[in-house]
């Protein structure tokens, strides 16, 4: 899967959880979703992408990926 698609998916997941008033909880929910529904290869790719700067990841998606 290409990284642009993973970034878009992570941002969509983050947008879903963004309504959570507690942003730490929202980031944890993003991370939990990624752990539960993304295969290890996808998680590894998005983590590596974040380490390279993570351009395009929303702030909440970024915080979620950091918790992986």
Protein backbone atom coordinates (compact mmCIF):
# COMPACT_ATOMS: atom_id res chain seq x y z
CA UNK A 1 0.00 0.00 0.00
CA UNK A 2 1.39 3.41 -0.85
CA UNK A 3 2.18 5.87 1.90
CA UNK A 4 -0.21 8.54 0.59
CA UNK A 5 -3.10 6.11 1.10
CA UNK A 6 -1.90 5.25 4.62
CA UNK A 7 -1.64 8.94 5.50
CA UNK A 8 -5.16 9.57 4.18
CA UNK A 9 -6.51 6.61 6.16
CA UNK A 10 -4.73 7.71 9.36
CA UNK A 11 -6.10 11.23 8.92
CA UNK A 12 -9.63 9.87 8.40
CA UNK A 13 -9.35 7.80 11.57
CA UNK A 14 -8.06 10.82 13.47
CA UNK A 15 -10.92 12.96 12.13
CA UNK A 16 -13.40 10.41 13.48
CA UNK A 17 -11.89 10.55 16.97
CA UNK A 18 -11.30 14.33 16.92
CA UNK A 19 -14.69 14.94 18.55
CA UNK A 20 -13.31 13.46 21.78
CA UNK A 21 -12.87 16.44 24.15
CA UNK A 22 -9.75 14.92 25.75
CA UNK A 23 -7.12 15.02 23.01
CA UNK A 24 -4.85 12.56 24.84
CA UNK A 25 -7.72 10.10 24.89
CA UNK A 26 -8.41 10.79 21.22
CA UNK A 27 -4.77 10.06 20.32
CA UNK A 28 -4.93 6.84 22.31
CA UNK A 29 -8.09 5.83 20.48
CA UNK A 30 -6.40 6.49 17.13
CA UNK A 31 -3.45 4.32 18.20
CA UNK A 32 -5.78 1.57 19.42
CA UNK A 33 -7.65 1.59 16.13
CA UNK A 34 -4.39 1.30 14.18
CA UNK A 35 -3.23 -1.55 16.43
CA UNK A 36 -6.52 -3.40 16.10
CA UNK A 37 -7.32 -2.97 12.41
CA UNK A 38 -4.06 -2.31 10.58
CA UNK A 39 -1.74 -5.17 9.74
CA UNK A 40 1.82 -4.94 11.11
CA UNK A 41 3.27 -3.98 7.72
CA UNK A 42 0.96 -0.95 7.51
CA UNK A 43 1.84 0.14 11.06
CA UNK A 44 5.55 -0.22 10.33
CA UNK A 45 5.23 1.87 7.17
CA UNK A 46 3.36 4.71 8.88
CA UNK A 47 5.80 4.72 11.83
CA UNK A 48 8.77 4.89 9.45
CA UNK A 49 7.04 7.68 7.53
CA UNK A 50 6.54 9.65 10.75
CA UNK A 51 10.23 9.25 11.62
CA UNK A 52 11.02 10.80 8.22
CA UNK A 53 8.90 13.84 9.05
CA UNK A 54 5.34 12.62 8.56
CA UNK A 55 4.34 15.32 6.08
CA UNK A 56 0.59 15.39 5.60
CA UNK A 57 -0.37 13.67 8.84
CA UNK A 58 -2.85 15.69 10.88
CA UNK A 59 -1.70 16.61 14.39
CA UNK A 60 -4.03 14.03 15.95
CA UNK A 61 -3.00 11.31 13.48
CA UNK A 62 0.64 12.12 14.26
CA UNK A 63 0.04 11.76 18.00
CA UNK A 64 -1.76 8.48 17.42
CA UNK A 65 1.06 7.06 15.31
CA UNK A 66 3.59 8.18 17.95
CA UNK A 67 1.77 5.94 20.45
CA UNK A 68 2.19 2.81 18.31
